[in-house]
């Protein structure tokens, strides 16, 4: 199964509280931090919610 590589690239200062919570739920703690998750609909939905704050790519195994 493919994985998603998510990098936090833009600050959440001034963003809605639910966007800040989504960033935290993705496991991102600092700017330019990268995490990897399995490509599942739940993670895709979280990315869609904060697409303006993160960059993501699909990583094939």
PDB file of N, CA and C in Angstrom:
ATOM      1  N   UNK A   1       0.840  -1.188   0.000  1.00  0.00           N
ATOM      2  CA  UNK A   1       0.000   0.000   0.000  1.00  0.00           C
ATOM      3  C   UNK A   1       0.881   1.247   0.000  1.00  0.00           C
ATOM      4  N   UNK A   2       0.436   2.254  -0.673  1.00  0.00           N
ATOM      5  CA  UNK A   2       1.186   3.511  -0.758  1.00  0.00           C
ATOM      6  C   UNK A   2       1.141   4.258   0.571  1.00  0.00           C
ATOM      7  N   UNK A   3       2.125   5.120   0.736  1.00  0.00           N
ATOM      8  CA  UNK A   3       2.174   5.967   1.927  1.00  0.00           C
ATOM      9  C   UNK A   3       2.105   7.420   1.495  1.00  0.00           C
ATOM     10  N   UNK A   4       1.692   8.258   2.426  1.00  0.00           N
ATOM     11  CA  UNK A   4       1.657   9.695   2.201  1.00  0.00           C
ATOM     12  C   UNK A   4       2.743  10.340   3.049  1.00  0.00           C
ATOM     13  N   UNK A   5       3.550  11.182   2.444  1.00  0.00           N
ATOM     14  CA  UNK A   5       4.577  11.935   3.167  1.00  0.00           C
ATOM     15  C   UNK A   5       4.061  13.366   3.294  1.00  0.00           C
ATOM     16  N   UNK A   6       3.841  13.801   4.528  1.00  0.00           N
ATOM     17  CA  UNK A   6       3.231  15.101   4.808  1.00  0.00           C
ATOM     18  C   UNK A   6       4.265  15.985   5.502  1.00  0.00           C
ATOM     19  N   UNK A   7       4.444  17.195   4.982  1.00  0.00           N
ATOM     20  CA  UNK A   7       5.383  18.160   5.563  1.00  0.00           C
ATOM     21  C   UNK A   7       4.631  19.442   5.896  1.00  0.00           C
ATOM     22  N   UNK A   8       4.820  19.919   7.110  1.00  0.00           N
ATOM     23  CA  UNK A   8       4.194  21.162   7.559  1.00  0.00           C
ATOM     24  C   UNK A   8       5.045  22.322   7.055  1.00  0.00           C
ATOM     25  N   UNK A   9       4.481  23.206   6.210  1.00  0.00           N
ATOM     26  CA  UNK A   9       5.274  24.260   5.576  1.00  0.00           C
ATOM     27  C   UNK A   9       4.817  25.673   5.903  1.00  0.00           C
ATOM     28  N   UNK A  10       3.637  25.833   6.466  1.00  0.00           N
ATOM     29  CA  UNK A  10       3.137  27.181   6.750  1.00  0.00           C
ATOM     30  C   UNK A  10       2.570  27.229   8.171  1.00  0.00           C
ATOM     31  N   UNK A  11       2.869  28.286   8.883  1.00  0.00           N
ATOM     32  CA  UNK A  11       2.468  28.426  10.275  1.00  0.00           C
ATOM     33  C   UNK A  11       0.950  28.425  10.436  1.00  0.00           C
ATOM     34  N   UNK A  12       0.500  27.911  11.569  1.00  0.00           N
ATOM     35  CA  UNK A  12      -0.923  27.874  11.878  1.00  0.00           C
ATOM     36  C   UNK A  12      -1.362  29.078  12.707  1.00  0.00           C
ATOM     37  N   UNK A  13      -0.473  30.042  12.923  1.00  0.00           N
ATOM     38  CA  UNK A  13      -0.835  31.246  13.660  1.00  0.00           C
ATOM     39  C   UNK A  13      -1.923  31.981  12.893  1.00  0.00           C
ATOM     40  N   UNK A  14      -2.983  32.328  13.558  1.00  0.00           N
ATOM     41  CA  UNK A  14      -4.086  33.045  12.929  1.00  0.00           C
ATOM     42  C   UNK A  14      -5.083  32.145  12.223  1.00  0.00           C
ATOM     43  N   UNK A  15      -4.850  30.839  12.247  1.00  0.00           N
ATOM     44  CA  UNK A  15      -5.772  29.893  11.615  1.00  0.00           C
ATOM     45  C   UNK A  15      -6.855  29.487  12.612  1.00  0.00           C
ATOM     46  N   UNK A  16      -7.884  28.845  12.090  1.00  0.00           N
ATOM     47  CA  UNK A  16      -8.972  28.377  12.943  1.00  0.00           C
ATOM     48  C   UNK A  16      -8.447  27.312  13.906  1.00  0.00           C
ATOM     49  N   UNK A  17      -9.099  27.214  15.058  1.00  0.00           N
ATOM     50  CA  UNK A  17      -8.677  26.255  16.072  1.00  0.00           C
ATOM     51  C   UNK A  17      -8.749  24.825  15.548  1.00  0.00           C
ATOM     52  N   UNK A  18      -9.743  24.521  14.719  1.00  0.00           N
ATOM     53  CA  UNK A  18      -9.856  23.140  14.218  1.00  0.00           C
ATOM     54  C   UNK A  18      -8.710  22.799  13.274  1.00  0.00           C
ATOM     55  N   UNK A  19      -8.160  23.789  12.584  1.00  0.00           N
ATOM     56  CA  UNK A  19      -7.006  23.531  11.732  1.00  0.00           C
ATOM     57  C   UNK A  19      -5.772  23.253  12.587  1.00  0.00           C
ATOM     58  N   UNK A  20      -5.609  23.987  13.668  1.00  0.00           N
ATOM     59  CA  UNK A  20      -4.496  23.743  14.577  1.00  0.00           C
ATOM     60  C   UNK A  20      -4.590  22.346  15.184  1.00  0.00           C
ATOM     61  N   UNK A  21      -5.802  21.929  15.533  1.00  0.00           N
ATOM     62  CA  UNK A  21      -5.998  20.593  16.099  1.00  0.00           C
ATOM     63  C   UNK A  21      -5.708  19.508  15.068  1.00  0.00           C
ATOM     64  N   UNK A  22      -6.042  19.765  13.825  1.00  0.00           N
ATOM     65  CA  UNK A  22      -5.771  18.797  12.767  1.00  0.00           C
ATOM     66  C   UNK A  22      -4.272  18.636  12.552  1.00  0.00           C
ATOM     67  N   UNK A  23      -3.533  19.745  12.558  1.00  0.00           N
ATOM     68  CA  UNK A  23      -2.077  19.683  12.432  1.00  0.00           C
ATOM     69  C   UNK A  23      -1.504  18.844  13.571  1.00  0.00           C
ATOM     70  N   UNK A  24      -1.992  19.076  14.770  1.00  0.00           N
ATOM     71  CA  UNK A  24      -1.519  18.326  15.933  1.00  0.00           C
ATOM     72  C   UNK A  24      -1.887  16.852  15.815  1.00  0.00           C
ATOM     73  N   UNK A  25      -3.098  16.565  15.328  1.00  0.00           N
ATOM     74  CA  UNK A  25      -3.553  15.186  15.175  1.00  0.00           C
ATOM     75  C   UNK A  25      -2.738  14.438  14.117  1.00  0.00           C
ATOM     76  N   UNK A  26      -2.204  15.153  13.153  1.00  0.00           N
ATOM     77  CA  UNK A  26      -1.340  14.534  12.147  1.00  0.00           C
ATOM     78  C   UNK A  26       0.045  14.215  12.701  1.00  0.00           C
ATOM     79  N   UNK A  27       0.319  14.662  13.914  1.00  0.00           N
ATOM     80  CA  UNK A  27       1.608  14.382  14.543  1.00  0.00           C
ATOM     81  C   UNK A  27       2.673  15.395  14.216  1.00  0.00           C
ATOM     82  N   UNK A  28       2.269  16.537  13.685  1.00  0.00           N
ATOM     83  CA  UNK A  28       3.217  17.586  13.335  1.00  0.00           C
ATOM     84  C   UNK A  28       3.378  18.535  14.515  1.00  0.00           C
ATOM     85  N   UNK A  29       4.614  18.731  14.951  1.00  0.00           N
ATOM     86  CA  UNK A  29       4.878  19.567  16.114  1.00  0.00           C
ATOM     87  C   UNK A  29       5.642  20.841  15.756  1.00  0.00           C
ATOM     88  N   UNK A  30       6.490  20.784  14.724  1.00  0.00           N
ATOM     89  CA  UNK A  30       7.311  21.930  14.330  1.00  0.00           C
ATOM     90  C   UNK A  30       7.197  22.145  12.827  1.00  0.00           C
ATOM     91  N   UNK A  31       7.400  23.377  12.407  1.00  0.00           N
ATOM     92  CA  UNK A  31       7.423  23.670  10.979  1.00  0.00           C
ATOM     93  C   UNK A  31       8.519  22.856  10.290  1.00  0.00           C
ATOM     94  N   UNK A  32       8.263  22.450   9.072  1.00  0.00           N
ATOM     95  CA  UNK A  32       9.172  21.683   8.225  1.00  0.00           C
ATOM     96  C   UNK A  32       9.411  20.278   8.746  1.00  0.00           C
ATOM     97  N   UNK A  33       8.588  19.821   9.673  1.00  0.00           N
ATOM     98  CA  UNK A  33       8.639  18.443  10.133  1.00  0.00           C
ATOM     99  C   UNK A  33       7.877  17.582   9.128  1.00  0.00           C
ATOM    100  N   UNK A  34       8.336  16.366   8.908  1.00  0.00           N
ATOM    101  CA  UNK A  34       7.713  15.454   7.960  1.00  0.00           C
ATOM    102  C   UNK A  34       7.288  14.184   8.675  1.00  0.00           C
ATOM    103  N   UNK A  35       6.087  13.702   8.345  1.00  0.00           N
ATOM    104  CA  UNK A  35       5.584  12.438   8.875  1.00  0.00           C
ATOM    105  C   UNK A  35       5.076  11.602   7.708  1.00  0.00           C
ATOM    106  N   UNK A  36       4.992  10.286   7.914  1.00  0.00           N
ATOM    107  CA  UNK A  36       4.468   9.382   6.896  1.00  0.00           C
ATOM    108  C   UNK A  36       3.322   8.578   7.477  1.00  0.00           C
ATOM    109  N   UNK A  37       2.263   8.418   6.678  1.00  0.00           N
ATOM    110  CA  UNK A  37       1.096   7.642   7.060  1.00  0.00           C
ATOM    111  C   UNK A  37       0.667   6.782   5.891  1.00  0.00           C
ATOM    112  N   UNK A  38      -0.039   5.700   6.190  1.00  0.00           N
ATOM    113  CA  UNK A  38      -0.656   4.900   5.147  1.00  0.00           C
ATOM    114  C   UNK A  38      -1.689   5.755   4.424  1.00  0.00           C
ATOM    115  N   UNK A  39      -1.890   5.487   3.154  1.00  0.00           N
ATOM    116  CA  UNK A  39      -2.842   6.248   2.344  1.00  0.00           C
ATOM    117  C   UNK A  39      -4.256   5.720   2.598  1.00  0.00           C
ATOM    118  N   UNK A  40      -4.927   6.326   3.574  1.00  0.00           N
ATOM    119  CA  UNK A  40      -6.304   5.943   3.925  1.00  0.00           C
ATOM    120  C   UNK A  40      -7.193   7.178   3.832  1.00  0.00           C
ATOM    121  N   UNK A  41      -8.492   6.998   3.650  1.00  0.00           N
ATOM    122  CA  UNK A  41      -9.395   8.140   3.494  1.00  0.00           C
ATOM    123  C   UNK A  41      -9.386   9.113   4.675  1.00  0.00           C
ATOM    124  N   UNK A  42      -9.179   8.613   5.879  1.00  0.00           N
ATOM    125  CA  UNK A  42      -9.181   9.488   7.048  1.00  0.00           C
ATOM    126  C   UNK A  42      -8.027  10.487   6.990  1.00  0.00           C
ATOM    127  N   UNK A  43      -6.851  10.032   6.609  1.00  0.00           N
ATOM    128  CA  UNK A  43      -5.692  10.919   6.507  1.00  0.00           C
ATOM    129  C   UNK A  43      -5.866  11.882   5.340  1.00  0.00           C
ATOM    130  N   UNK A  44      -6.416  11.390   4.218  1.00  0.00           N
ATOM    131  CA  UNK A  44      -6.678  12.268   3.078  1.00  0.00           C
ATOM    132  C   UNK A  44      -7.623  13.401   3.468  1.00  0.00           C
ATOM    133  N   UNK A  45      -8.644  13.095   4.276  1.00  0.00           N
ATOM    134  CA  UNK A  45      -9.578  14.119   4.732  1.00  0.00           C
ATOM    135  C   UNK A  45      -8.907  15.156   5.608  1.00  0.00           C
ATOM    136  N   UNK A  46      -7.987  14.712   6.464  1.00  0.00           N
ATOM    137  CA  UNK A  46      -7.256  15.649   7.313  1.00  0.00           C
ATOM    138  C   UNK A  46      -6.366  16.552   6.463  1.00  0.00           C
ATOM    139  N   UNK A  47      -5.732  15.974   5.446  1.00  0.00           N
ATOM    140  CA  UNK A  47      -4.894  16.770   4.549  1.00  0.00           C
ATOM    141  C   UNK A  47      -5.743  17.796   3.813  1.00  0.00           C
ATOM    142  N   UNK A  48      -6.920  17.396   3.344  1.00  0.00           N
ATOM    143  CA  UNK A  48      -7.797  18.325   2.633  1.00  0.00           C
ATOM    144  C   UNK A  48      -8.205  19.502   3.506  1.00  0.00           C
ATOM    145  N   UNK A  49      -8.353  19.259   4.797  1.00  0.00           N
ATOM    146  CA  UNK A  49      -8.760  20.321   5.709  1.00  0.00           C
ATOM    147  C   UNK A  49      -7.662  21.365   5.900  1.00  0.00           C
ATOM    148  N   UNK A  50      -6.409  20.938   5.852  1.00  0.00           N
ATOM    149  CA  UNK A  50      -5.288  21.864   6.083  1.00  0.00           C
ATOM    150  C   UNK A  50      -4.353  21.919   4.876  1.00  0.00           C
ATOM    151  N   UNK A  51      -4.896  21.742   3.686  1.00  0.00           N
ATOM    152  CA  UNK A  51      -4.076  21.690   2.474  1.00  0.00           C
ATOM    153  C   UNK A  51      -3.259  22.961   2.252  1.00  0.00           C
ATOM    154  N   UNK A  52      -3.709  24.075   2.790  1.00  0.00           N
ATOM    155  CA  UNK A  52      -2.996  25.340   2.624  1.00  0.00           C
ATOM    156  C   UNK A  52      -1.822  25.480   3.593  1.00  0.00           C
ATOM    157  N   UNK A  53      -1.689  24.557   4.535  1.00  0.00           N
ATOM    158  CA  UNK A  53      -0.611  24.610   5.521  1.00  0.00           C
ATOM    159  C   UNK A  53       0.436  23.522   5.320  1.00  0.00           C
ATOM    160  N   UNK A  54       0.121  22.511   4.531  1.00  0.00           N
ATOM    161  CA  UNK A  54       1.018  21.372   4.368  1.00  0.00           C
ATOM    162  C   UNK A  54       1.288  21.095   2.896  1.00  0.00           C
ATOM    163  N   UNK A  55       2.384  20.370   2.647  1.00  0.00           N
ATOM    164  CA  UNK A  55       2.665  19.793   1.342  1.00  0.00           C
ATOM    165  C   UNK A  55       2.683  18.293   1.531  1.00  0.00           C
ATOM    166  N   UNK A  56       2.214  17.571   0.542  1.00  0.00           N
ATOM    167  CA  UNK A  56       2.204  16.112   0.666  1.00  0.00           C
ATOM    168  C   UNK A  56       2.519  15.457  -0.668  1.00  0.00           C
ATOM    169  N   UNK A  57       3.080  14.266  -0.582  1.00  0.00           N
ATOM    170  CA  UNK A  57       3.384  13.472  -1.755  1.00  0.00           C
ATOM    171  C   UNK A  57       3.059  12.018  -1.468  1.00  0.00           C
ATOM    172  N   UNK A  58       2.817  11.274  -2.519  1.00  0.00           N
ATOM    173  CA  UNK A  58       2.575   9.833  -2.402  1.00  0.00           C
ATOM    174  C   UNK A  58       3.910   9.133  -2.562  1.00  0.00           C
ATOM    175  N   UNK A  59       4.217   8.245  -1.631  1.00  0.00           N
ATOM    176  CA  UNK A  59       5.466   7.489  -1.653  1.00  0.00           C
ATOM    177  C   UNK A  59       5.108   6.024  -1.897  1.00  0.00           C
ATOM    178  N   UNK A  60       5.607   5.472  -2.995  1.00  0.00           N
ATOM    179  CA  UNK A  60       5.348   4.065  -3.306  1.00  0.00           C
ATOM    180  C   UNK A  60       6.340   3.190  -2.566  1.00  0.00           C
ATOM    181  N   UNK A  61       5.850   2.076  -2.053  1.00  0.00           N
ATOM    182  CA  UNK A  61       6.732   1.143  -1.337  1.00  0.00           C
ATOM    183  C   UNK A  61       7.471   0.252  -2.300  1.00  0.00           C
TER     184      UNK A  61
END
